[in-house]
Amino acid sequence: MKKTPSVFAYVFLFIGFSMLALWTMLIFTKQVPEFETAPFTTITHITAESLTGLMLILAGYGLLKKQPWAQRFYPLAVGMLLYAVVQASGYYIDHSSPVFVVLFGVMILFSIFVIWDLLKPR
């Protein structure tokens, strides 16, 4: 199995905790108006992003602790991240939020880089 750079682990932890913190803050400050207009869609979206955050945290932790399962686990977490940021980008494009569009663009590039690194021969 290919060795994964430890910098990936720190980035996974940062993104995972950030995703959970953002949703926690938005929910507790009542900044998710979609709960009123599309509650089921919103709940499933938040659930998917929360699971993505948890997967990234587990992958980052496993990589830092050099757990054997982490090398097989982190590609799944990165795939979930790539899906989440592509899907969420559309929301922020529709709502004219360029800061989030740029942020998600960076995360998409990071995800592609991680996948490229995973696939390249060593």
PDB file of N, CA and C in Angstrom:
ATOM      1  N   MET A   1       0.855  -1.180   0.000  1.00  0.00           N
ATOM      2  CA  MET A   1       0.000   0.000   0.000  1.00  0.00           C
ATOM      3  C   MET A   1       0.896   1.237   0.000  1.00  0.00           C
ATOM      4  N   LYS A   2       0.494   2.247  -0.728  1.00  0.00           N
ATOM      5  CA  LYS A   2       1.266   3.476  -0.833  1.00  0.00           C
ATOM      6  C   LYS A   2       1.223   4.253   0.476  1.00  0.00           C
ATOM      7  N   LYS A   3       2.344   4.899   0.799  1.00  0.00           N
ATOM      8  CA  LYS A   3       2.394   5.731   2.000  1.00  0.00           C
ATOM      9  C   LYS A   3       1.786   7.093   1.676  1.00  0.00           C
ATOM     10  N   THR A   4       0.947   7.575   2.570  1.00  0.00           N
ATOM     11  CA  THR A   4       0.252   8.844   2.381  1.00  0.00           C
ATOM     12  C   THR A   4       1.000   9.950   3.106  1.00  0.00           C
ATOM     13  N   PRO A   5       1.225  11.096   2.459  1.00  0.00           N
ATOM     14  CA  PRO A   5       1.887  12.206   3.155  1.00  0.00           C
ATOM     15  C   PRO A   5       1.093  12.635   4.391  1.00  0.00           C
ATOM     16  N   SER A   6       1.809  12.894   5.505  1.00  0.00           N
ATOM     17  CA  SER A   6       1.118  13.254   6.749  1.00  0.00           C
ATOM     18  C   SER A   6       0.426  14.606   6.649  1.00  0.00           C
ATOM     19  N   VAL A   7       0.860  15.458   5.714  1.00  0.00           N
ATOM     20  CA  VAL A   7       0.176  16.745   5.558  1.00  0.00           C
ATOM     21  C   VAL A   7      -1.287  16.524   5.197  1.00  0.00           C
ATOM     22  N   PHE A   8      -1.570  15.457   4.464  1.00  0.00           N
ATOM     23  CA  PHE A   8      -2.960  15.141   4.135  1.00  0.00           C
ATOM     24  C   PHE A   8      -3.769  14.921   5.406  1.00  0.00           C
ATOM     25  N   ALA A   9      -3.170  14.236   6.373  1.00  0.00           N
ATOM     26  CA  ALA A   9      -3.881  13.943   7.625  1.00  0.00           C
ATOM     27  C   ALA A   9      -4.296  15.230   8.322  1.00  0.00           C
ATOM     28  N   TYR A  10      -3.393  16.195   8.386  1.00  0.00           N
ATOM     29  CA  TYR A  10      -3.711  17.466   9.052  1.00  0.00           C
ATOM     30  C   TYR A  10      -4.791  18.236   8.293  1.00  0.00           C
ATOM     31  N   VAL A  11      -4.722  18.198   6.975  1.00  0.00           N
ATOM     32  CA  VAL A  11      -5.744  18.885   6.175  1.00  0.00           C
ATOM     33  C   VAL A  11      -7.091  18.186   6.341  1.00  0.00           C
ATOM     34  N   PHE A  12      -7.090  16.861   6.351  1.00  0.00           N
ATOM     35  CA  PHE A  12      -8.345  16.129   6.576  1.00  0.00           C
ATOM     36  C   PHE A  12      -8.956  16.510   7.921  1.00  0.00           C
ATOM     37  N   LEU A  13      -8.130  16.556   8.963  1.00  0.00           N
ATOM     38  CA  LEU A  13      -8.628  16.931  10.292  1.00  0.00           C
ATOM     39  C   LEU A  13      -9.192  18.348  10.281  1.00  0.00           C
ATOM     40  N   PHE A  14      -8.469  19.274   9.663  1.00  0.00           N
ATOM     41  CA  PHE A  14      -8.917  20.667   9.619  1.00  0.00           C
ATOM     42  C   PHE A  14     -10.253  20.790   8.887  1.00  0.00           C
ATOM     43  N   ILE A  15     -10.345  20.188   7.719  1.00  0.00           N
ATOM     44  CA  ILE A  15     -11.583  20.285   6.938  1.00  0.00           C
ATOM     45  C   ILE A  15     -12.728  19.581   7.667  1.00  0.00           C
ATOM     46  N   GLY A  16     -12.471  18.402   8.213  1.00  0.00           N
ATOM     47  CA  GLY A  16     -13.515  17.661   8.920  1.00  0.00           C
ATOM     48  C   GLY A  16     -14.071  18.434  10.106  1.00  0.00           C
ATOM     49  N   PHE A  17     -13.179  18.947  10.952  1.00  0.00           N
ATOM     50  CA  PHE A  17     -13.644  19.728  12.105  1.00  0.00           C
ATOM     51  C   PHE A  17     -14.321  21.021  11.658  1.00  0.00           C
ATOM     52  N   SER A  18     -13.816  21.628  10.583  1.00  0.00           N
ATOM     53  CA  SER A  18     -14.428  22.866  10.073  1.00  0.00           C
ATOM     54  C   SER A  18     -15.845  22.623   9.573  1.00  0.00           C
ATOM     55  N   MET A  19     -16.049  21.510   8.884  1.00  0.00           N
ATOM     56  CA  MET A  19     -17.397  21.194   8.390  1.00  0.00           C
ATOM     57  C   MET A  19     -18.376  21.037   9.551  1.00  0.00           C
ATOM     58  N   LEU A  20     -17.960  20.296  10.574  1.00  0.00           N
ATOM     59  CA  LEU A  20     -18.839  20.088  11.728  1.00  0.00           C
ATOM     60  C   LEU A  20     -19.077  21.394  12.484  1.00  0.00           C
ATOM     61  N   ALA A  21     -18.029  22.196  12.634  1.00  0.00           N
ATOM     62  CA  ALA A  21     -18.168  23.470  13.352  1.00  0.00           C
ATOM     63  C   ALA A  21     -19.077  24.434  12.600  1.00  0.00           C
ATOM     64  N   LEU A  22     -18.935  24.493  11.282  1.00  0.00           N
ATOM     65  CA  LEU A  22     -19.767  25.401  10.489  1.00  0.00           C
ATOM     66  C   LEU A  22     -21.240  25.042  10.622  1.00  0.00           C
ATOM     67  N   TRP A  23     -21.569  23.765  10.455  1.00  0.00           N
ATOM     68  CA  TRP A  23     -22.979  23.377  10.559  1.00  0.00           C
ATOM     69  C   TRP A  23     -23.518  23.578  11.968  1.00  0.00           C
ATOM     70  N   THR A  24     -22.697  23.307  12.968  1.00  0.00           N
ATOM     71  CA  THR A  24     -23.131  23.530  14.353  1.00  0.00           C
ATOM     72  C   THR A  24     -23.448  25.004  14.571  1.00  0.00           C
ATOM     73  N   MET A  25     -22.556  25.873  14.103  1.00  0.00           N
ATOM     74  CA  MET A  25     -22.762  27.310  14.250  1.00  0.00           C
ATOM     75  C   MET A  25     -23.999  27.770  13.485  1.00  0.00           C
ATOM     76  N   LEU A  26     -24.152  27.330  12.252  1.00  0.00           N
ATOM     77  CA  LEU A  26     -25.300  27.753  11.445  1.00  0.00           C
ATOM     78  C   LEU A  26     -26.623  27.292  12.052  1.00  0.00           C
ATOM     79  N   ILE A  27     -26.650  26.084  12.572  1.00  0.00           N
ATOM     80  CA  ILE A  27     -27.891  25.567  13.160  1.00  0.00           C
ATOM     81  C   ILE A  27     -28.223  26.295  14.457  1.00  0.00           C
ATOM     82  N   PHE A  28     -27.240  26.448  15.351  1.00  0.00           N
ATOM     83  CA  PHE A  28     -27.522  27.068  16.644  1.00  0.00           C
ATOM     84  C   PHE A  28     -27.790  28.567  16.555  1.00  0.00           C
ATOM     85  N   THR A  29     -27.319  29.210  15.489  1.00  0.00           N
ATOM     86  CA  THR A  29     -27.619  30.638  15.305  1.00  0.00           C
ATOM     87  C   THR A  29     -28.799  30.840  14.358  1.00  0.00           C
ATOM     88  N   LYS A  30     -29.469  29.740  14.041  1.00  0.00           N
ATOM     89  CA  LYS A  30     -30.682  29.767  13.210  1.00  0.00           C
ATOM     90  C   LYS A  30     -30.453  30.458  11.857  1.00  0.00           C
ATOM     91  N   GLN A  31     -29.353  30.099  11.215  1.00  0.00           N
ATOM     92  CA  GLN A  31     -29.016  30.658   9.909  1.00  0.00           C
ATOM     93  C   GLN A  31     -29.232  29.652   8.779  1.00  0.00           C
ATOM     94  N   VAL A  32     -30.158  28.725   8.974  1.00  0.00           N
ATOM     95  CA  VAL A  32     -30.466  27.745   7.932  1.00  0.00           C
ATOM     96  C   VAL A  32     -31.952  27.873   7.608  1.00  0.00           C
ATOM     97  N   PRO A  33     -32.315  28.890   6.799  1.00  0.00           N
ATOM     98  CA  PRO A  33     -33.732  29.105   6.500  1.00  0.00           C
ATOM     99  C   PRO A  33     -34.357  27.954   5.714  1.00  0.00           C
ATOM    100  N   GLU A  34     -33.532  27.136   5.094  1.00  0.00           N
ATOM    101  CA  GLU A  34     -34.049  26.009   4.313  1.00  0.00           C
ATOM    102  C   GLU A  34     -34.750  24.968   5.185  1.00  0.00           C
ATOM    103  N   PHE A  35     -34.545  25.017   6.500  1.00  0.00           N
ATOM    104  CA  PHE A  35     -35.306  24.124   7.390  1.00  0.00           C
ATOM    105  C   PHE A  35     -36.805  24.361   7.231  1.00  0.00           C
ATOM    106  N   GLU A  36     -37.185  25.600   6.911  1.00  0.00           N
ATOM    107  CA  GLU A  36     -38.605  25.941   6.745  1.00  0.00           C
ATOM    108  C   GLU A  36     -39.116  25.593   5.352  1.00  0.00           C
ATOM    109  N   THR A  37     -38.281  25.813   4.340  1.00  0.00           N
ATOM    110  CA  THR A  37     -38.742  25.646   2.960  1.00  0.00           C
ATOM    111  C   THR A  37     -38.528  24.242   2.403  1.00  0.00           C
ATOM    112  N   ALA A  38     -37.466  23.574   2.836  1.00  0.00           N
ATOM    113  CA  ALA A  38     -37.153  22.224   2.336  1.00  0.00           C
ATOM    114  C   ALA A  38     -36.528  21.409   3.463  1.00  0.00           C
ATOM    115  N   PRO A  39     -37.309  21.057   4.477  1.00  0.00           N
ATOM    116  CA  PRO A  39     -36.722  20.427   5.669  1.00  0.00           C
ATOM    117  C   PRO A  39     -36.044  19.083   5.408  1.00  0.00           C
ATOM    118  N   PHE A  40     -36.648  18.209   4.623  1.00  0.00           N
ATOM    119  CA  PHE A  40     -36.056  16.888   4.410  1.00  0.00           C
ATOM    120  C   PHE A  40     -34.780  16.975   3.584  1.00  0.00           C
ATOM    121  N   THR A  41     -34.802  17.798   2.550  1.00  0.00           N
ATOM    122  CA  THR A  41     -33.600  18.005   1.741  1.00  0.00           C
ATOM    123  C   THR A  41     -32.481  18.577   2.596  1.00  0.00           C
ATOM    124  N   THR A  42     -32.821  19.528   3.438  1.00  0.00           N
ATOM    125  CA  THR A  42     -31.827  20.176   4.288  1.00  0.00           C
ATOM    126  C   THR A  42     -31.252  19.200   5.308  1.00  0.00           C
ATOM    127  N   ILE A  43     -32.105  18.423   5.930  1.00  0.00           N
ATOM    128  CA  ILE A  43     -31.636  17.459   6.933  1.00  0.00           C
ATOM    129  C   ILE A  43     -30.730  16.406   6.296  1.00  0.00           C
ATOM    130  N   THR A  44     -31.111  15.898   5.130  1.00  0.00           N
ATOM    131  CA  THR A  44     -30.263  14.892   4.485  1.00  0.00           C
ATOM    132  C   THR A  44     -28.939  15.505   4.022  1.00  0.00           C
ATOM    133  N   HIS A  45     -28.984  16.754   3.569  1.00  0.00           N
ATOM    134  CA  HIS A  45     -27.755  17.439   3.157  1.00  0.00           C
ATOM    135  C   HIS A  45     -26.810  17.617   4.347  1.00  0.00           C
ATOM    136  N   ILE A  46     -27.342  18.088   5.464  1.00  0.00           N
ATOM    137  CA  ILE A  46     -26.517  18.294   6.657  1.00  0.00           C
ATOM    138  C   ILE A  46     -25.986  16.957   7.171  1.00  0.00           C
ATOM    139  N   THR A  47     -26.803  15.926   7.109  1.00  0.00           N
ATOM    140  CA  THR A  47     -26.359  14.594   7.527  1.00  0.00           C
ATOM    141  C   THR A  47     -25.198  14.117   6.659  1.00  0.00           C
ATOM    142  N   ALA A  48     -25.328  14.270   5.345  1.00  0.00           N
ATOM    143  CA  ALA A  48     -24.260  13.846   4.433  1.00  0.00           C
ATOM    144  C   ALA A  48     -22.970  14.619   4.697  1.00  0.00           C
ATOM    145  N   GLU A  49     -23.080  15.930   4.902  1.00  0.00           N
ATOM    146  CA  GLU A  49     -21.879  16.720   5.159  1.00  0.00           C
ATOM    147  C   GLU A  49     -21.288  16.407   6.527  1.00  0.00           C
ATOM    148  N   SER A  50     -22.126  16.109   7.503  1.00  0.00           N
ATOM    149  CA  SER A  50     -21.623  15.734   8.829  1.00  0.00           C
ATOM    150  C   SER A  50     -20.894  14.394   8.767  1.00  0.00           C
ATOM    151  N   LEU A  51     -21.451  13.446   8.027  1.00  0.00           N
ATOM    152  CA  LEU A  51     -20.772  12.160   7.852  1.00  0.00           C
ATOM    153  C   LEU A  51     -19.441  12.336   7.123  1.00  0.00           C
ATOM    154  N   THR A  52     -19.420  13.238   6.147  1.00  0.00           N
ATOM    155  CA  THR A  52     -18.170  13.533   5.444  1.00  0.00           C
ATOM    156  C   THR A  52     -17.141  14.085   6.419  1.00  0.00           C
ATOM    157  N   GLY A  53     -17.556  15.043   7.245  1.00  0.00           N
ATOM    158  CA  GLY A  53     -16.652  15.607   8.246  1.00  0.00           C
ATOM    159  C   GLY A  53     -16.115  14.539   9.190  1.00  0.00           C
ATOM    160  N   LEU A  54     -16.993  13.668   9.665  1.00  0.00           N
ATOM    161  CA  LEU A  54     -16.561  12.591  10.566  1.00  0.00           C
ATOM    162  C   LEU A  54     -15.597  11.630   9.875  1.00  0.00           C
ATOM    163  N   MET A  55     -15.878  11.303   8.619  1.00  0.00           N
ATOM    164  CA  MET A  55     -14.988  10.410   7.864  1.00  0.00           C
ATOM    165  C   MET A  55     -13.604  11.041   7.688  1.00  0.00           C
ATOM    166  N   LEU A  56     -13.578  12.346   7.402  1.00  0.00           N
ATOM    167  CA  LEU A  56     -12.294  13.031   7.250  1.00  0.00           C
ATOM    168  C   LEU A  56     -11.522  13.045   8.568  1.00  0.00           C
ATOM    169  N   ILE A  57     -12.228  13.260   9.678  1.00  0.00           N
ATOM    170  CA  ILE A  57     -11.575  13.250  10.989  1.00  0.00           C
ATOM    171  C   ILE A  57     -11.001  11.863  11.284  1.00  0.00           C
ATOM    172  N   LEU A  58     -11.789  10.832  11.040  1.00  0.00           N
ATOM    173  CA  LEU A  58     -11.299   9.464  11.260  1.00  0.00           C
ATOM    174  C   LEU A  58     -10.101   9.152  10.363  1.00  0.00           C
ATOM    175  N   ALA A  59     -10.182   9.559   9.099  1.00  0.00           N
ATOM    176  CA  ALA A  59      -9.073   9.309   8.171  1.00  0.00           C
ATOM    177  C   ALA A  59      -7.819  10.047   8.624  1.00  0.00           C
ATOM    178  N   GLY A  60      -7.966  11.320   8.986  1.00  0.00           N
ATOM    179  CA  GLY A  60      -6.817  12.093   9.455  1.00  0.00           C
ATOM    180  C   GLY A  60      -6.194  11.494  10.702  1.00  0.00           C
ATOM    181  N   TYR A  61      -7.024  11.124  11.654  1.00  0.00           N
ATOM    182  CA  TYR A  61      -6.540  10.505  12.889  1.00  0.00           C
ATOM    183  C   TYR A  61      -5.817   9.192  12.580  1.00  0.00           C
ATOM    184  N   GLY A  62      -6.447   8.366  11.765  1.00  0.00           N
ATOM    185  CA  GLY A  62      -5.843   7.083  11.418  1.00  0.00           C
ATOM    186  C   GLY A  62      -4.505   7.234  10.715  1.00  0.00           C
ATOM    187  N   LEU A  63      -4.401   8.205   9.819  1.00  0.00           N
ATOM    188  CA  LEU A  63      -3.137   8.431   9.117  1.00  0.00           C
ATOM    189  C   LEU A  63      -2.060   8.919  10.078  1.00  0.00           C
ATOM    190  N   LEU A  64      -2.421   9.839  10.983  1.00  0.00           N
ATOM    191  CA  LEU A  64      -1.430  10.346  11.941  1.00  0.00           C
ATOM    192  C   LEU A  64      -0.945   9.257  12.890  1.00  0.00           C
ATOM    193  N   LYS A  65      -1.850   8.368  13.273  1.00  0.00           N
ATOM    194  CA  LYS A  65      -1.500   7.279  14.193  1.00  0.00           C
ATOM    195  C   LYS A  65      -0.968   6.053  13.458  1.00  0.00           C
ATOM    196  N   LYS A  66      -0.811   6.196  12.133  1.00  0.00           N
ATOM    197  CA  LYS A  66      -0.282   5.122  11.283  1.00  0.00           C
ATOM    198  C   LYS A  66      -1.067   3.812  11.441  1.00  0.00           C
ATOM    199  N   GLN A  67      -2.366   3.957  11.504  1.00  0.00           N
ATOM    200  CA  GLN A  67      -3.243   2.790  11.590  1.00  0.00           C
ATOM    201  C   GLN A  67      -3.322   2.121  10.217  1.00  0.00           C
ATOM    202  N   PRO A  68      -3.217   0.810  10.157  1.00  0.00           N
ATOM    203  CA  PRO A  68      -3.232   0.134   8.852  1.00  0.00           C
ATOM    204  C   PRO A  68      -4.524   0.356   8.067  1.00  0.00           C
ATOM    205  N   TRP A  69      -5.647   0.500   8.738  1.00  0.00           N
ATOM    206  CA  TRP A  69      -6.925   0.699   8.056  1.00  0.00           C
ATOM    207  C   TRP A  69      -7.014   2.065   7.384  1.00  0.00           C
ATOM    208  N   ALA A  70      -6.218   3.027   7.836  1.00  0.00           N
ATOM    209  CA  ALA A  70      -6.341   4.401   7.334  1.00  0.00           C
ATOM    210  C   ALA A  70      -5.984   4.518   5.855  1.00  0.00           C
ATOM    211  N   GLN A  71      -5.022   3.722   5.390  1.00  0.00           N
ATOM    212  CA  GLN A  71      -4.623   3.794   3.984  1.00  0.00           C
ATOM    213  C   GLN A  71      -5.757   3.378   3.055  1.00  0.00           C
ATOM    214  N   ARG A  72      -6.614   2.505   3.516  1.00  0.00           N
ATOM    215  CA  ARG A  72      -7.763   2.083   2.704  1.00  0.00           C
ATOM    216  C   ARG A  72      -8.985   2.958   2.963  1.00  0.00           C
ATOM    217  N   PHE A  73      -8.993   3.624   4.095  1.00  0.00           N
ATOM    218  CA  PHE A  73     -10.149   4.404   4.527  1.00  0.00           C
ATOM    219  C   PHE A  73     -10.162   5.814   3.926  1.00  0.00           C
ATOM    220  N   TYR A  74      -8.981   6.450   3.829  1.00  0.00           N
ATOM    221  CA  TYR A  74      -8.969   7.852   3.430  1.00  0.00           C
ATOM    222  C   TYR A  74      -9.442   8.105   2.000  1.00  0.00           C
ATOM    223  N   PRO A  75      -9.254   7.191   1.028  1.00  0.00           N
ATOM    224  CA  PRO A  75      -9.811   7.481  -0.300  1.00  0.00           C
ATOM    225  C   PRO A  75     -11.336   7.640  -0.279  1.00  0.00           C
ATOM    226  N   LEU A  76     -12.010   6.870   0.557  1.00  0.00           N
ATOM    227  CA  LEU A  76     -13.460   7.011   0.696  1.00  0.00           C
ATOM    228  C   LEU A  76     -13.811   8.395   1.253  1.00  0.00           C
ATOM    229  N   ALA A  77     -13.074   8.830   2.262  1.00  0.00           N
ATOM    230  CA  ALA A  77     -13.319  10.150   2.858  1.00  0.00           C
ATOM    231  C   ALA A  77     -13.086  11.266   1.837  1.00  0.00           C
ATOM    232  N   VAL A  78     -12.043  11.130   1.027  1.00  0.00           N
ATOM    233  CA  VAL A  78     -11.761  12.150   0.006  1.00  0.00           C
ATOM    234  C   VAL A  78     -12.843  12.147  -1.065  1.00  0.00           C
ATOM    235  N   GLY A  79     -13.322  10.979  -1.435  1.00  0.00           N
ATOM    236  CA  GLY A  79     -14.425  10.905  -2.398  1.00  0.00           C
ATOM    237  C   GLY A  79     -15.673  11.580  -1.868  1.00  0.00           C
ATOM    238  N   MET A  80     -15.953  11.367  -0.581  1.00  0.00           N
ATOM    239  CA  MET A  80     -17.110  12.028   0.031  1.00  0.00           C
ATOM    240  C   MET A  80     -16.918  13.543   0.034  1.00  0.00           C
ATOM    241  N   LEU A  81     -15.689  13.986   0.333  1.00  0.00           N
ATOM    242  CA  LEU A  81     -15.405  15.424   0.328  1.00  0.00           C
ATOM    243  C   LEU A  81     -15.596  16.008  -1.065  1.00  0.00           C
ATOM    244  N   LEU A  82     -15.084  15.338  -2.070  1.00  0.00           N
ATOM    245  CA  LEU A  82     -15.213  15.836  -3.439  1.00  0.00           C
ATOM    246  C   LEU A  82     -16.683  15.972  -3.822  1.00  0.00           C
ATOM    247  N   TYR A  83     -17.476  14.972  -3.524  1.00  0.00           N
ATOM    248  CA  TYR A  83     -18.910  15.053  -3.811  1.00  0.00           C
ATOM    249  C   TYR A  83     -19.545  16.215  -3.053  1.00  0.00           C
ATOM    250  N   ALA A  84     -19.232  16.338  -1.768  1.00  0.00           N
ATOM    251  CA  ALA A  84     -19.847  17.377  -0.932  1.00  0.00           C
ATOM    252  C   ALA A  84     -19.527  18.779  -1.441  1.00  0.00           C
ATOM    253  N   VAL A  85     -18.268  19.021  -1.816  1.00  0.00           N
ATOM    254  CA  VAL A  85     -17.921  20.382  -2.239  1.00  0.00           C
ATOM    255  C   VAL A  85     -18.442  20.696  -3.635  1.00  0.00           C
ATOM    256  N   VAL A  86     -18.497  19.712  -4.511  1.00  0.00           N
ATOM    257  CA  VAL A  86     -19.082  19.964  -5.835  1.00  0.00           C
ATOM    258  C   VAL A  86     -20.561  20.290  -5.684  1.00  0.00           C
ATOM    259  N   GLN A  87     -21.262  19.513  -4.865  1.00  0.00           N
ATOM    260  CA  GLN A  87     -22.692  19.730  -4.657  1.00  0.00           C
ATOM    261  C   GLN A  87     -22.948  21.075  -3.975  1.00  0.00           C
ATOM    262  N   ALA A  88     -22.190  21.389  -2.938  1.00  0.00           N
ATOM    263  CA  ALA A  88     -22.408  22.631  -2.195  1.00  0.00           C
ATOM    264  C   ALA A  88     -22.013  23.864  -3.004  1.00  0.00           C
ATOM    265  N   SER A  89     -21.086  23.713  -3.927  1.00  0.00           N
ATOM    266  CA  SER A  89     -20.669  24.856  -4.751  1.00  0.00           C
ATOM    267  C   SER A  89     -21.846  25.451  -5.505  1.00  0.00           C
ATOM    268  N   GLY A  90     -22.716  24.604  -5.995  1.00  0.00           N
ATOM    269  CA  GLY A  90     -23.888  25.091  -6.727  1.00  0.00           C
ATOM    270  C   GLY A  90     -24.763  25.990  -5.878  1.00  0.00           C
ATOM    271  N   TYR A  91     -24.940  25.632  -4.618  1.00  0.00           N
ATOM    272  CA  TYR A  91     -25.751  26.454  -3.707  1.00  0.00           C
ATOM    273  C   TYR A  91     -25.146  27.851  -3.581  1.00  0.00           C
ATOM    274  N   TYR A  92     -23.834  27.919  -3.373  1.00  0.00           N
ATOM    275  CA  TYR A  92     -23.193  29.217  -3.166  1.00  0.00           C
ATOM    276  C   TYR A  92     -23.047  30.005  -4.461  1.00  0.00           C
ATOM    277  N   ILE A  93     -22.984  29.327  -5.588  1.00  0.00           N
ATOM    278  CA  ILE A  93     -23.017  30.046  -6.868  1.00  0.00           C
ATOM    279  C   ILE A  93     -24.388  30.682  -7.044  1.00  0.00           C
ATOM    280  N   ASP A  94     -25.451  29.917  -6.756  1.00  0.00           N
ATOM    281  CA  ASP A  94     -26.817  30.454  -6.847  1.00  0.00           C
ATOM    282  C   ASP A  94     -27.041  31.632  -5.912  1.00  0.00           C
ATOM    283  N   HIS A  95     -26.391  31.620  -4.750  1.00  0.00           N
ATOM    284  CA  HIS A  95     -26.591  32.671  -3.755  1.00  0.00           C
ATOM    285  C   HIS A  95     -25.503  33.747  -3.807  1.00  0.00           C
ATOM    286  N   SER A  96     -24.753  33.787  -4.897  1.00  0.00           N
ATOM    287  CA  SER A  96     -23.726  34.815  -5.125  1.00  0.00           C
ATOM    288  C   SER A  96     -22.822  35.014  -3.908  1.00  0.00           C
ATOM    289  N   SER A  97     -22.187  33.930  -3.477  1.00  0.00           N
ATOM    290  CA  SER A  97     -21.247  33.976  -2.353  1.00  0.00           C
ATOM    291  C   SER A  97     -19.853  33.601  -2.859  1.00  0.00           C
ATOM    292  N   PRO A  98     -19.136  34.573  -3.449  1.00  0.00           N
ATOM    293  CA  PRO A  98     -17.858  34.253  -4.086  1.00  0.00           C
ATOM    294  C   PRO A  98     -16.805  33.692  -3.131  1.00  0.00           C
ATOM    295  N   VAL A  99     -16.822  34.093  -1.871  1.00  0.00           N
ATOM    296  CA  VAL A  99     -15.828  33.576  -0.929  1.00  0.00           C
ATOM    297  C   VAL A  99     -15.973  32.062  -0.783  1.00  0.00           C
ATOM    298  N   PHE A 100     -17.207  31.587  -0.632  1.00  0.00           N
ATOM    299  CA  PHE A 100     -17.422  30.148  -0.501  1.00  0.00           C
ATOM    300  C   PHE A 100     -17.147  29.423  -1.814  1.00  0.00           C
ATOM    301  N   VAL A 101     -17.454  30.044  -2.932  1.00  0.00           N
ATOM    302  CA  VAL A 101     -17.175  29.417  -4.226  1.00  0.00           C
ATOM    303  C   VAL A 101     -15.667  29.212  -4.380  1.00  0.00           C
ATOM    304  N   VAL A 102     -14.877  30.222  -4.024  1.00  0.00           N
ATOM    305  CA  VAL A 102     -13.418  30.098  -4.103  1.00  0.00           C
ATOM    306  C   VAL A 102     -12.922  29.040  -3.111  1.00  0.00           C
ATOM    307  N   LEU A 103     -13.440  29.078  -1.883  1.00  0.00           N
ATOM    308  CA  LEU A 103     -13.050  28.092  -0.873  1.00  0.00           C
ATOM    309  C   LEU A 103     -13.331  26.676  -1.354  1.00  0.00           C
ATOM    310  N   PHE A 104     -14.516  26.463  -1.912  1.00  0.00           N
ATOM    311  CA  PHE A 104     -14.857  25.133  -2.397  1.00  0.00           C
ATOM    312  C   PHE A 104     -14.030  24.769  -3.624  1.00  0.00           C
ATOM    313  N   GLY A 105     -13.694  25.751  -4.447  1.00  0.00           N
ATOM    314  CA  GLY A 105     -12.813  25.488  -5.580  1.00  0.00           C
ATOM    315  C   GLY A 105     -11.456  24.977  -5.117  1.00  0.00           C
ATOM    316  N   VAL A 106     -10.933  25.576  -4.049  1.00  0.00           N
ATOM    317  CA  VAL A 106      -9.657  25.122  -3.481  1.00  0.00           C
ATOM    318  C   VAL A 106      -9.795  23.696  -2.948  1.00  0.00           C
ATOM    319  N   MET A 107     -10.904  23.403  -2.286  1.00  0.00           N
ATOM    320  CA  MET A 107     -11.104  22.043  -1.760  1.00  0.00           C
ATOM    321  C   MET A 107     -11.271  21.025  -2.884  1.00  0.00           C
ATOM    322  N   ILE A 108     -11.893  21.426  -3.978  1.00  0.00           N
ATOM    323  CA  ILE A 108     -12.009  20.529  -5.133  1.00  0.00           C
ATOM    324  C   ILE A 108     -10.617  20.230  -5.688  1.00  0.00           C
ATOM    325  N   LEU A 109      -9.799  21.271  -5.841  1.00  0.00           N
ATOM    326  CA  LEU A 109      -8.435  21.066  -6.334  1.00  0.00           C
ATOM    327  C   LEU A 109      -7.628  20.186  -5.383  1.00  0.00           C
ATOM    328  N   PHE A 110      -7.781  20.423  -4.076  1.00  0.00           N
ATOM    329  CA  PHE A 110      -7.094  19.585  -3.087  1.00  0.00           C
ATOM    330  C   PHE A 110      -7.528  18.126  -3.230  1.00  0.00           C
ATOM    331  N   SER A 111      -8.819  17.896  -3.357  1.00  0.00           N
ATOM    332  CA  SER A 111      -9.334  16.527  -3.486  1.00  0.00           C
ATOM    333  C   SER A 111      -8.775  15.851  -4.731  1.00  0.00           C
ATOM    334  N   ILE A 112      -8.748  16.584  -5.833  1.00  0.00           N
ATOM    335  CA  ILE A 112      -8.203  16.031  -7.074  1.00  0.00           C
ATOM    336  C   ILE A 112      -6.720  15.716  -6.905  1.00  0.00           C
ATOM    337  N   PHE A 113      -5.985  16.610  -6.230  1.00  0.00           N
ATOM    338  CA  PHE A 113      -4.565  16.372  -5.985  1.00  0.00           C
ATOM    339  C   PHE A 113      -4.356  15.116  -5.143  1.00  0.00           C
ATOM    340  N   VAL A 114      -5.157  14.940  -4.097  1.00  0.00           N
ATOM    341  CA  VAL A 114      -5.034  13.755  -3.238  1.00  0.00           C
ATOM    342  C   VAL A 114      -5.325  12.491  -4.042  1.00  0.00           C
ATOM    343  N   ILE A 115      -6.358  12.532  -4.866  1.00  0.00           N
ATOM    344  CA  ILE A 115      -6.690  11.366  -5.691  1.00  0.00           C
ATOM    345  C   ILE A 115      -5.567  11.091  -6.686  1.00  0.00           C
ATOM    346  N   TRP A 116      -5.028  12.139  -7.294  1.00  0.00           N
ATOM    347  CA  TRP A 116      -3.902  11.986  -8.221  1.00  0.00           C
ATOM    348  C   TRP A 116      -2.713  11.366  -7.495  1.00  0.00           C
ATOM    349  N   ASP A 117      -2.426  11.847  -6.289  1.00  0.00           N
ATOM    350  CA  ASP A 117      -1.311  11.313  -5.513  1.00  0.00           C
ATOM    351  C   ASP A 117      -1.537   9.838  -5.175  1.00  0.00           C
ATOM    352  N   LEU A 118      -2.769   9.497  -4.890  1.00  0.00           N
ATOM    353  CA  LEU A 118      -3.115   8.113  -4.567  1.00  0.00           C
ATOM    354  C   LEU A 118      -2.896   7.191  -5.765  1.00  0.00           C
ATOM    355  N   LEU A 119      -3.193   7.693  -6.954  1.00  0.00           N
ATOM    356  CA  LEU A 119      -3.138   6.859  -8.157  1.00  0.00           C
ATOM    357  C   LEU A 119      -1.770   6.793  -8.820  1.00  0.00           C
ATOM    358  N   LYS A 120      -0.879   7.746  -8.520  1.00  0.00           N
ATOM    359  CA  LYS A 120       0.409   7.742  -9.215  1.00  0.00           C
ATOM    360  C   LYS A 120       1.292   6.610  -8.709  1.00  0.00           C
ATOM    361  N   PRO A 121       2.083   6.025  -9.611  1.00  0.00           N
ATOM    362  CA  PRO A 121       2.960   4.918  -9.203  1.00  0.00           C
ATOM    363  C   PRO A 121       4.069   5.413  -8.282  1.00  0.00           C
ATOM    364  N   ARG A 122       4.467   4.558  -7.364  1.00  0.00           N
ATOM    365  CA  ARG A 122       5.556   4.915  -6.428  1.00  0.00           C
ATOM    366  C   ARG A 122       6.698   3.946  -6.585  1.00  0.00           C
TER     367      ARG A 122
END
